[in-house]
């Protein structure tokens, strides 16, 4: 497996893999497939510190993991990025997400991020297990906000502190 940064020519396959998650259900809050045109602006934002990394097997993209700004434009949050990842059908459970997660955590450290956040649907056990394996913990819950028709569930915020701004947790302000 090879991991590299996505280029615009990779975008159709990235959207195809995302849409597999949409149609398989409960991996994302989207309930209908998206088009490349609908996601164009989002894809174009993934440059520099916020790449989309792709996993390839024999030249075919089998999964991807992207970093996105958390609350763009708010300077005090520039040290935090949101991580998202999707693996193609037939490749799930084979270590693709694990390899992508390791790669993006290392890249996040190299790019000076202090925190990573993942927003996921509470019934996505594969994601919960992956995040816990990589040192993420539950930082928050938005109870009962995901409505799949007959099923309503929560959305979780999982976080991982890569390092504090000073390198020491003692500089963190107390909760009020």
N, C-alpha and C. Protein backbone atom coordinates (compact mmCIF):
# COMPACT_ATOMS: atom_id res chain seq x y z
N UNK A 1 0.85 -1.18 0.00
CA UNK A 1 0.00 0.00 0.00
C UNK A 1 0.89 1.24 0.00
N UNK A 2 0.53 2.20 -0.82
CA UNK A 2 1.23 3.47 -0.91
C UNK A 2 0.28 4.56 -0.42
N UNK A 3 0.83 5.54 0.30
CA UNK A 3 0.04 6.68 0.76
C UNK A 3 0.69 7.94 0.22
N UNK A 4 -0.14 8.79 -0.38
CA UNK A 4 0.38 10.05 -0.92
C UNK A 4 -0.73 11.10 -0.87
N UNK A 5 -0.36 12.35 -1.18
CA UNK A 5 -1.31 13.44 -1.17
C UNK A 5 -2.14 13.42 -2.45
N UNK A 6 -3.44 13.61 -2.29
CA UNK A 6 -4.36 13.60 -3.43
C UNK A 6 -4.13 14.81 -4.33
N UNK A 7 -4.42 14.60 -5.61
CA UNK A 7 -4.38 15.65 -6.62
C UNK A 7 -5.78 15.78 -7.20
N UNK A 8 -6.07 16.86 -7.91
CA UNK A 8 -7.41 17.03 -8.48
C UNK A 8 -7.89 15.84 -9.31
N UNK A 9 -7.01 15.16 -9.99
CA UNK A 9 -7.44 14.00 -10.78
C UNK A 9 -7.90 12.82 -9.91
N UNK A 10 -7.60 12.88 -8.61
CA UNK A 10 -8.04 11.84 -7.67
C UNK A 10 -9.44 12.13 -7.10
N UNK A 11 -9.92 13.34 -7.27
CA UNK A 11 -11.18 13.75 -6.66
C UNK A 11 -12.38 12.88 -7.04
N UNK A 12 -12.54 12.47 -8.30
CA UNK A 12 -13.71 11.62 -8.60
C UNK A 12 -13.73 10.32 -7.79
N UNK A 13 -12.57 9.69 -7.61
CA UNK A 13 -12.52 8.45 -6.82
C UNK A 13 -12.77 8.74 -5.34
N UNK A 14 -12.28 9.87 -4.84
CA UNK A 14 -12.53 10.25 -3.45
C UNK A 14 -14.04 10.39 -3.22
N UNK A 15 -14.72 11.03 -4.14
CA UNK A 15 -16.17 11.20 -4.04
C UNK A 15 -16.87 9.84 -4.18
N UNK A 16 -16.38 8.99 -5.06
CA UNK A 16 -16.98 7.65 -5.22
C UNK A 16 -16.91 6.86 -3.91
N UNK A 17 -15.76 6.90 -3.26
CA UNK A 17 -15.60 6.18 -1.98
C UNK A 17 -16.50 6.79 -0.92
N UNK A 18 -16.57 8.12 -0.89
CA UNK A 18 -17.45 8.78 0.07
C UNK A 18 -18.90 8.34 -0.16
N UNK A 19 -19.32 8.32 -1.41
CA UNK A 19 -20.70 7.93 -1.73
C UNK A 19 -20.99 6.48 -1.38
N UNK A 20 -19.99 5.62 -1.39
CA UNK A 20 -20.20 4.25 -0.90
C UNK A 20 -20.61 4.29 0.57
N UNK A 21 -19.95 5.14 1.34
CA UNK A 21 -20.30 5.27 2.76
C UNK A 21 -21.70 5.83 2.93
N UNK A 22 -22.08 6.76 2.06
CA UNK A 22 -23.43 7.33 2.12
C UNK A 22 -24.46 6.24 1.87
N UNK A 23 -24.29 5.48 0.80
CA UNK A 23 -25.29 4.47 0.45
C UNK A 23 -25.27 3.27 1.40
N UNK A 24 -24.13 3.00 2.01
CA UNK A 24 -24.07 1.91 3.00
C UNK A 24 -24.76 2.32 4.29
N UNK A 25 -24.87 3.60 4.54
CA UNK A 25 -25.63 4.12 5.68
C UNK A 25 -24.89 4.14 7.00
N UNK A 26 -25.17 5.18 7.75
CA UNK A 26 -24.72 5.37 9.13
C UNK A 26 -23.21 5.59 9.29
N UNK A 27 -22.51 5.85 8.17
CA UNK A 27 -21.10 6.23 8.25
C UNK A 27 -20.95 7.75 8.15
N UNK A 28 -21.96 8.41 7.66
CA UNK A 28 -21.97 9.86 7.48
C UNK A 28 -23.41 10.35 7.64
N UNK A 29 -23.55 11.62 7.92
CA UNK A 29 -24.90 12.17 8.07
C UNK A 29 -25.52 12.53 6.72
N UNK A 30 -24.75 12.47 5.64
CA UNK A 30 -25.37 12.64 4.32
C UNK A 30 -26.27 11.45 4.07
N UNK A 31 -27.43 11.71 3.50
CA UNK A 31 -28.38 10.63 3.24
C UNK A 31 -28.59 10.37 1.75
N UNK A 32 -27.92 11.18 0.93
CA UNK A 32 -27.96 10.95 -0.51
C UNK A 32 -26.55 11.19 -1.05
N UNK A 33 -26.18 10.47 -2.11
CA UNK A 33 -24.84 10.67 -2.69
C UNK A 33 -24.62 12.12 -3.11
N UNK A 34 -23.38 12.55 -3.06
CA UNK A 34 -22.99 13.90 -3.45
C UNK A 34 -22.31 13.85 -4.82
N UNK A 35 -22.28 14.99 -5.48
CA UNK A 35 -21.59 15.07 -6.77
C UNK A 35 -20.24 15.75 -6.58
N UNK A 36 -19.39 15.55 -7.56
CA UNK A 36 -18.10 16.22 -7.56
C UNK A 36 -18.30 17.74 -7.55
N UNK A 37 -19.27 18.21 -8.28
CA UNK A 37 -19.54 19.65 -8.34
C UNK A 37 -19.97 20.18 -6.97
N UNK A 38 -20.79 19.43 -6.26
CA UNK A 38 -21.23 19.85 -4.92
C UNK A 38 -20.08 19.91 -3.94
N UNK A 39 -19.08 19.07 -4.11
CA UNK A 39 -17.95 19.01 -3.17
C UNK A 39 -16.71 19.74 -3.66
N UNK A 40 -16.81 20.39 -4.83
CA UNK A 40 -15.66 21.05 -5.45
C UNK A 40 -14.98 22.04 -4.52
N UNK A 41 -15.74 22.93 -3.90
CA UNK A 41 -15.16 23.94 -3.02
C UNK A 41 -14.45 23.27 -1.84
N UNK A 42 -15.09 22.25 -1.25
CA UNK A 42 -14.49 21.54 -0.12
C UNK A 42 -13.18 20.89 -0.55
N UNK A 43 -13.16 20.26 -1.70
CA UNK A 43 -11.94 19.60 -2.19
C UNK A 43 -10.83 20.62 -2.43
N UNK A 44 -11.16 21.76 -2.98
CA UNK A 44 -10.17 22.78 -3.29
C UNK A 44 -9.52 23.37 -2.03
N UNK A 45 -10.18 23.26 -0.89
CA UNK A 45 -9.63 23.78 0.37
C UNK A 45 -8.55 22.87 0.96
N UNK A 46 -8.38 21.69 0.40
CA UNK A 46 -7.45 20.71 0.97
C UNK A 46 -6.07 20.83 0.33
N UNK A 47 -5.36 21.87 0.78
CA UNK A 47 -3.99 22.11 0.33
C UNK A 47 -3.15 22.48 1.54
N UNK A 48 -1.87 22.51 1.38
CA UNK A 48 -0.97 22.93 2.45
C UNK A 48 -1.11 22.10 3.70
N UNK A 49 -1.48 22.75 4.80
CA UNK A 49 -1.63 22.06 6.09
C UNK A 49 -2.82 21.13 6.13
N UNK A 50 -3.72 21.22 5.16
CA UNK A 50 -4.97 20.48 5.18
C UNK A 50 -5.12 19.56 3.94
N UNK A 51 -4.22 18.61 3.79
CA UNK A 51 -4.31 17.76 2.61
C UNK A 51 -5.34 16.64 2.76
N UNK A 52 -5.64 16.03 1.64
CA UNK A 52 -6.31 14.74 1.62
C UNK A 52 -5.24 13.74 1.24
N UNK A 53 -5.06 12.75 2.08
CA UNK A 53 -4.08 11.69 1.80
C UNK A 53 -4.85 10.48 1.28
N UNK A 54 -4.30 9.83 0.28
CA UNK A 54 -4.96 8.67 -0.33
C UNK A 54 -4.11 7.43 -0.16
N UNK A 55 -4.77 6.31 0.05
CA UNK A 55 -4.10 5.01 0.09
C UNK A 55 -4.36 4.33 -1.23
N UNK A 56 -3.29 3.80 -1.84
CA UNK A 56 -3.40 3.14 -3.13
C UNK A 56 -2.94 1.70 -3.04
N UNK A 57 -3.61 0.86 -3.79
CA UNK A 57 -3.19 -0.52 -3.97
C UNK A 57 -3.11 -0.75 -5.48
N UNK A 58 -1.91 -1.05 -5.97
CA UNK A 58 -1.70 -1.21 -7.42
C UNK A 58 -2.25 -0.04 -8.21
N UNK A 59 -2.05 1.18 -7.70
CA UNK A 59 -2.46 2.39 -8.40
C UNK A 59 -3.91 2.79 -8.24
N UNK A 60 -4.70 1.97 -7.55
CA UNK A 60 -6.12 2.28 -7.33
C UNK A 60 -6.31 2.84 -5.94
N UNK A 61 -7.04 3.95 -5.84
CA UNK A 61 -7.32 4.55 -4.53
C UNK A 61 -8.30 3.65 -3.79
N UNK A 62 -7.91 3.23 -2.59
CA UNK A 62 -8.75 2.33 -1.79
C UNK A 62 -9.24 2.98 -0.50
N UNK A 63 -8.79 4.19 -0.24
CA UNK A 63 -9.23 4.92 0.95
C UNK A 63 -8.60 6.29 0.97
N UNK A 64 -9.17 7.15 1.81
CA UNK A 64 -8.62 8.49 1.94
C UNK A 64 -8.86 9.03 3.35
N UNK A 65 -8.02 10.00 3.70
CA UNK A 65 -8.12 10.66 5.00
C UNK A 65 -7.78 12.12 4.79
N UNK A 66 -8.65 12.99 5.23
CA UNK A 66 -8.42 14.41 5.04
C UNK A 66 -8.40 15.20 6.33
N UNK A 67 -7.68 16.29 6.30
CA UNK A 67 -7.66 17.25 7.39
C UNK A 67 -8.39 18.50 6.92
N UNK A 68 -9.25 19.03 7.77
CA UNK A 68 -9.98 20.25 7.47
C UNK A 68 -9.81 21.24 8.61
N UNK A 69 -9.85 22.53 8.30
CA UNK A 69 -9.77 23.53 9.38
C UNK A 69 -10.97 23.38 10.31
N UNK A 70 -10.72 23.55 11.59
CA UNK A 70 -11.80 23.56 12.57
C UNK A 70 -12.19 25.02 12.79
N UNK A 71 -13.42 25.35 12.44
CA UNK A 71 -13.95 26.72 12.58
C UNK A 71 -13.03 27.71 11.86
N UNK A 72 -12.95 27.60 10.53
CA UNK A 72 -12.03 28.44 9.74
C UNK A 72 -12.19 29.92 10.05
N UNK A 73 -11.05 30.60 10.03
CA UNK A 73 -11.04 32.04 10.24
C UNK A 73 -10.90 32.46 11.69
N UNK A 74 -10.99 31.51 12.60
CA UNK A 74 -10.85 31.85 14.02
C UNK A 74 -9.43 31.49 14.46
N UNK A 75 -8.60 32.50 14.55
CA UNK A 75 -7.16 32.31 14.73
C UNK A 75 -6.81 31.48 15.96
N UNK A 76 -7.56 31.61 17.03
CA UNK A 76 -7.25 30.87 18.25
C UNK A 76 -7.48 29.36 18.09
N UNK A 77 -8.15 28.96 17.00
CA UNK A 77 -8.42 27.54 16.75
C UNK A 77 -7.55 26.97 15.63
N UNK A 78 -6.58 27.74 15.16
CA UNK A 78 -5.74 27.31 14.03
C UNK A 78 -4.88 26.09 14.36
N UNK A 79 -4.71 25.76 15.61
CA UNK A 79 -3.93 24.59 16.01
C UNK A 79 -4.75 23.32 16.05
N UNK A 80 -6.01 23.40 15.66
CA UNK A 80 -6.90 22.24 15.69
C UNK A 80 -7.40 21.95 14.28
N UNK A 81 -7.40 20.67 13.92
CA UNK A 81 -7.92 20.25 12.61
C UNK A 81 -8.92 19.13 12.82
N UNK A 82 -9.87 19.05 11.89
CA UNK A 82 -10.82 17.94 11.88
C UNK A 82 -10.32 16.88 10.91
N UNK A 83 -10.40 15.64 11.34
CA UNK A 83 -9.94 14.53 10.52
C UNK A 83 -11.16 13.73 10.06
N UNK A 84 -11.16 13.33 8.80
CA UNK A 84 -12.22 12.47 8.29
C UNK A 84 -11.58 11.42 7.38
N UNK A 85 -12.20 10.26 7.30
CA UNK A 85 -11.59 9.14 6.57
C UNK A 85 -12.69 8.21 6.09
N UNK A 86 -12.43 7.62 4.92
CA UNK A 86 -13.36 6.68 4.32
C UNK A 86 -12.56 5.64 3.54
N UNK A 87 -13.04 4.40 3.59
CA UNK A 87 -12.37 3.29 2.92
C UNK A 87 -13.35 2.63 1.97
N UNK A 88 -12.84 2.27 0.79
CA UNK A 88 -13.68 1.65 -0.24
C UNK A 88 -14.20 0.29 0.22
N UNK A 89 -15.39 -0.03 -0.25
CA UNK A 89 -15.94 -1.37 0.00
C UNK A 89 -14.93 -2.41 -0.46
N UNK A 90 -14.88 -3.47 0.27
CA UNK A 90 -13.94 -4.54 -0.07
C UNK A 90 -12.57 -4.34 0.57
N UNK A 91 -12.30 -3.15 1.04
CA UNK A 91 -11.02 -2.86 1.70
C UNK A 91 -11.20 -2.53 3.18
N UNK A 92 -12.44 -2.43 3.63
CA UNK A 92 -12.67 -2.13 5.04
C UNK A 92 -12.24 -3.32 5.90
N UNK A 93 -11.66 -3.02 7.06
CA UNK A 93 -11.22 -4.06 7.97
C UNK A 93 -9.90 -4.70 7.58
N UNK A 94 -9.18 -4.09 6.63
CA UNK A 94 -7.92 -4.67 6.15
C UNK A 94 -6.72 -3.78 6.45
N UNK A 95 -6.87 -2.84 7.37
CA UNK A 95 -5.75 -2.01 7.79
C UNK A 95 -5.56 -0.72 7.01
N UNK A 96 -6.43 -0.43 6.05
CA UNK A 96 -6.29 0.79 5.26
C UNK A 96 -6.50 2.02 6.13
N UNK A 97 -7.59 2.06 6.88
CA UNK A 97 -7.87 3.22 7.75
C UNK A 97 -6.79 3.37 8.81
N UNK A 98 -6.30 2.27 9.32
CA UNK A 98 -5.24 2.30 10.33
C UNK A 98 -3.98 2.97 9.76
N UNK A 99 -3.58 2.56 8.55
CA UNK A 99 -2.39 3.14 7.92
C UNK A 99 -2.59 4.62 7.62
N UNK A 100 -3.77 4.98 7.11
CA UNK A 100 -4.06 6.38 6.84
C UNK A 100 -4.04 7.21 8.13
N UNK A 101 -4.62 6.67 9.19
CA UNK A 101 -4.66 7.39 10.47
C UNK A 101 -3.24 7.65 10.98
N UNK A 102 -2.39 6.64 10.94
CA UNK A 102 -1.00 6.82 11.38
C UNK A 102 -0.32 7.91 10.55
N UNK A 103 -0.51 7.85 9.25
CA UNK A 103 0.11 8.81 8.34
C UNK A 103 -0.36 10.23 8.66
N UNK A 104 -1.65 10.42 8.82
CA UNK A 104 -2.19 11.77 9.02
C UNK A 104 -1.86 12.30 10.42
N UNK A 105 -1.79 11.44 11.41
CA UNK A 105 -1.35 11.90 12.74
C UNK A 105 0.09 12.38 12.66
N UNK A 106 0.96 11.63 12.00
CA UNK A 106 2.36 12.06 11.84
C UNK A 106 2.44 13.38 11.07
N UNK A 107 1.66 13.49 10.01
CA UNK A 107 1.63 14.71 9.21
C UNK A 107 1.11 15.89 10.04
N UNK A 108 0.12 15.64 10.87
CA UNK A 108 -0.44 16.69 11.74
C UNK A 108 0.61 17.21 12.72
N UNK A 109 1.37 16.30 13.28
CA UNK A 109 2.46 16.70 14.18
C UNK A 109 3.50 17.53 13.44
N UNK A 110 3.88 17.09 12.24
CA UNK A 110 4.87 17.81 11.45
C UNK A 110 4.36 19.20 11.04
N UNK A 111 3.05 19.34 10.88
CA UNK A 111 2.46 20.62 10.50
C UNK A 111 2.08 21.49 11.69
N UNK A 112 2.45 21.06 12.90
CA UNK A 112 2.26 21.89 14.08
C UNK A 112 0.87 21.91 14.68
N UNK A 113 0.03 20.95 14.31
CA UNK A 113 -1.29 20.91 14.94
C UNK A 113 -1.16 20.43 16.38
N UNK A 114 -1.99 21.01 17.25
CA UNK A 114 -2.00 20.64 18.65
C UNK A 114 -3.10 19.64 18.97
N UNK A 115 -4.18 19.69 18.20
CA UNK A 115 -5.35 18.83 18.46
C UNK A 115 -5.93 18.33 17.15
N UNK A 116 -6.48 17.12 17.20
CA UNK A 116 -7.28 16.59 16.10
C UNK A 116 -8.66 16.27 16.64
N UNK A 117 -9.67 16.56 15.84
CA UNK A 117 -11.05 16.24 16.19
C UNK A 117 -11.65 15.36 15.10
N UNK A 118 -12.47 14.43 15.52
CA UNK A 118 -13.26 13.62 14.58
C UNK A 118 -14.71 13.73 15.01
N UNK A 119 -15.59 13.98 14.05
CA UNK A 119 -17.01 14.07 14.32
C UNK A 119 -17.64 12.83 13.69
N UNK A 120 -18.31 12.03 14.50
CA UNK A 120 -18.84 10.77 13.97
C UNK A 120 -20.18 10.43 14.56
N UNK A 121 -20.87 9.56 13.87
CA UNK A 121 -22.18 9.11 14.30
C UNK A 121 -21.98 8.01 15.34
N UNK A 122 -22.72 8.09 16.42
CA UNK A 122 -22.50 7.22 17.59
C UNK A 122 -22.60 5.73 17.27
N UNK A 123 -23.31 5.35 16.21
CA UNK A 123 -23.45 3.92 15.89
C UNK A 123 -22.36 3.42 14.95
N UNK A 124 -21.38 4.25 14.63
CA UNK A 124 -20.29 3.85 13.74
C UNK A 124 -19.18 3.19 14.56
N UNK A 125 -19.39 1.93 14.89
CA UNK A 125 -18.46 1.21 15.77
C UNK A 125 -17.07 1.06 15.18
N UNK A 126 -16.97 0.89 13.88
CA UNK A 126 -15.64 0.76 13.26
C UNK A 126 -14.83 2.03 13.49
N UNK A 127 -15.45 3.18 13.32
CA UNK A 127 -14.76 4.45 13.56
C UNK A 127 -14.42 4.63 15.03
N UNK A 128 -15.35 4.30 15.89
CA UNK A 128 -15.09 4.42 17.33
C UNK A 128 -13.86 3.59 17.72
N UNK A 129 -13.79 2.37 17.23
CA UNK A 129 -12.66 1.49 17.54
C UNK A 129 -11.35 2.03 16.97
N UNK A 130 -11.39 2.53 15.74
CA UNK A 130 -10.19 3.08 15.12
C UNK A 130 -9.68 4.28 15.90
N UNK A 131 -10.57 5.18 16.24
CA UNK A 131 -10.16 6.38 16.97
C UNK A 131 -9.57 6.03 18.33
N UNK A 132 -10.21 5.14 19.05
CA UNK A 132 -9.68 4.73 20.36
C UNK A 132 -8.31 4.09 20.22
N UNK A 133 -8.14 3.27 19.19
CA UNK A 133 -6.84 2.61 18.95
C UNK A 133 -5.73 3.64 18.77
N UNK A 134 -6.07 4.79 18.21
CA UNK A 134 -5.06 5.81 17.93
C UNK A 134 -5.04 6.93 18.98
N UNK A 135 -5.59 6.64 20.15
CA UNK A 135 -5.46 7.56 21.27
C UNK A 135 -6.47 8.68 21.34
N UNK A 136 -7.52 8.62 20.54
CA UNK A 136 -8.59 9.59 20.64
C UNK A 136 -9.52 9.19 21.78
N UNK A 137 -10.15 10.16 22.38
CA UNK A 137 -11.16 9.89 23.39
C UNK A 137 -12.37 10.79 23.14
N UNK A 138 -13.48 10.43 23.75
CA UNK A 138 -14.70 11.19 23.54
C UNK A 138 -14.64 12.50 24.30
N UNK A 139 -14.73 13.60 23.57
CA UNK A 139 -14.69 14.93 24.15
C UNK A 139 -16.06 15.56 24.21
N UNK A 140 -17.01 14.99 23.50
CA UNK A 140 -18.34 15.59 23.51
C UNK A 140 -19.38 14.74 22.82
N UNK A 141 -20.64 15.07 23.10
CA UNK A 141 -21.76 14.38 22.47
C UNK A 141 -22.84 15.40 22.14
N UNK A 142 -23.38 15.27 20.95
CA UNK A 142 -24.53 16.04 20.54
C UNK A 142 -25.69 15.04 20.51
N UNK A 143 -26.45 14.97 21.60
CA UNK A 143 -27.43 13.88 21.76
C UNK A 143 -28.61 13.97 20.80
N UNK A 144 -28.89 12.84 20.16
CA UNK A 144 -30.09 12.69 19.35
C UNK A 144 -30.25 13.65 18.19
N UNK A 145 -29.15 14.11 17.59
CA UNK A 145 -29.29 15.09 16.51
C UNK A 145 -29.26 14.46 15.12
N UNK A 146 -28.89 13.20 15.01
CA UNK A 146 -28.81 12.54 13.71
C UNK A 146 -30.11 11.78 13.48
N UNK A 147 -30.82 12.15 12.42
CA UNK A 147 -32.13 11.56 12.16
C UNK A 147 -32.10 10.77 10.86
N UNK A 148 -32.08 9.46 10.98
CA UNK A 148 -32.12 8.57 9.82
C UNK A 148 -33.53 8.03 9.60
N UNK A 149 -34.53 8.84 9.90
CA UNK A 149 -35.92 8.38 9.74
C UNK A 149 -36.34 7.58 10.96
N UNK A 150 -36.39 6.25 10.83
CA UNK A 150 -36.83 5.45 11.98
C UNK A 150 -35.81 5.41 13.11
N UNK A 151 -34.55 5.80 12.83
CA UNK A 151 -33.51 5.75 13.86
C UNK A 151 -32.94 7.15 14.10
N UNK A 152 -32.91 7.56 15.34
CA UNK A 152 -32.29 8.81 15.75
C UNK A 152 -31.13 8.45 16.66
N UNK A 153 -29.99 9.07 16.44
CA UNK A 153 -28.84 8.77 17.30
C UNK A 153 -28.00 10.02 17.51
N UNK A 154 -27.00 9.89 18.34
CA UNK A 154 -26.15 11.01 18.70
C UNK A 154 -24.98 11.13 17.74
N UNK A 155 -24.35 12.28 17.81
CA UNK A 155 -23.10 12.49 17.11
C UNK A 155 -22.05 12.73 18.19
N UNK A 156 -20.91 12.10 18.04
CA UNK A 156 -19.82 12.25 19.00
C UNK A 156 -18.72 13.13 18.43
N UNK A 157 -18.05 13.81 19.33
CA UNK A 157 -16.82 14.51 19.01
C UNK A 157 -15.71 13.76 19.74
N UNK A 158 -14.80 13.21 18.97
CA UNK A 158 -13.64 12.54 19.54
C UNK A 158 -12.42 13.42 19.30
N UNK A 159 -11.54 13.50 20.28
CA UNK A 159 -10.37 14.36 20.15
C UNK A 159 -9.10 13.66 20.57
N UNK A 160 -8.02 14.19 20.06
CA UNK A 160 -6.68 13.71 20.43
C UNK A 160 -5.80 14.94 20.58
N UNK A 161 -5.22 15.09 21.75
CA UNK A 161 -4.28 16.19 21.99
C UNK A 161 -2.90 15.71 21.53
N UNK A 162 -2.38 16.36 20.51
CA UNK A 162 -1.06 16.00 20.01
C UNK A 162 0.03 16.60 20.90
N UNK A 163 -0.15 17.87 21.26
CA UNK A 163 0.71 18.54 22.23
C UNK A 163 0.06 19.87 22.58
N UNK A 164 0.46 20.45 23.69
CA UNK A 164 -0.08 21.76 24.07
C UNK A 164 0.79 22.84 23.45
N UNK A 165 0.29 24.07 23.36
CA UNK A 165 1.07 25.14 22.74
C UNK A 165 2.45 25.32 23.36
N UNK A 166 2.57 25.08 24.64
CA UNK A 166 3.87 25.25 25.30
C UNK A 166 4.63 23.94 25.40
N UNK A 167 4.01 22.85 24.98
CA UNK A 167 4.63 21.55 25.16
C UNK A 167 4.29 20.96 26.50
N UNK A 168 3.55 21.70 27.33
CA UNK A 168 3.19 21.25 28.66
C UNK A 168 1.74 21.52 28.93
N UNK A 169 1.01 20.54 29.48
CA UNK A 169 -0.40 20.79 29.75
C UNK A 169 -0.64 21.82 30.84
N UNK A 170 0.41 22.22 31.58
CA UNK A 170 0.22 23.17 32.68
C UNK A 170 -0.21 24.55 32.19
N UNK A 171 0.00 24.88 30.93
CA UNK A 171 -0.38 26.20 30.42
C UNK A 171 -1.84 26.26 30.03
N UNK A 172 -2.52 25.15 30.06
CA UNK A 172 -3.92 25.14 29.67
C UNK A 172 -4.74 25.87 30.73
N UNK A 173 -5.64 26.72 30.27
CA UNK A 173 -6.48 27.48 31.18
C UNK A 173 -7.47 26.55 31.88
N UNK A 174 -7.81 26.84 33.12
CA UNK A 174 -8.78 26.01 33.83
C UNK A 174 -10.18 26.21 33.24
N UNK A 175 -11.01 25.23 33.40
CA UNK A 175 -12.41 25.35 32.99
C UNK A 175 -13.10 26.31 33.94
N UNK A 176 -13.94 27.15 33.39
CA UNK A 176 -14.68 28.11 34.23
C UNK A 176 -15.98 27.52 34.69
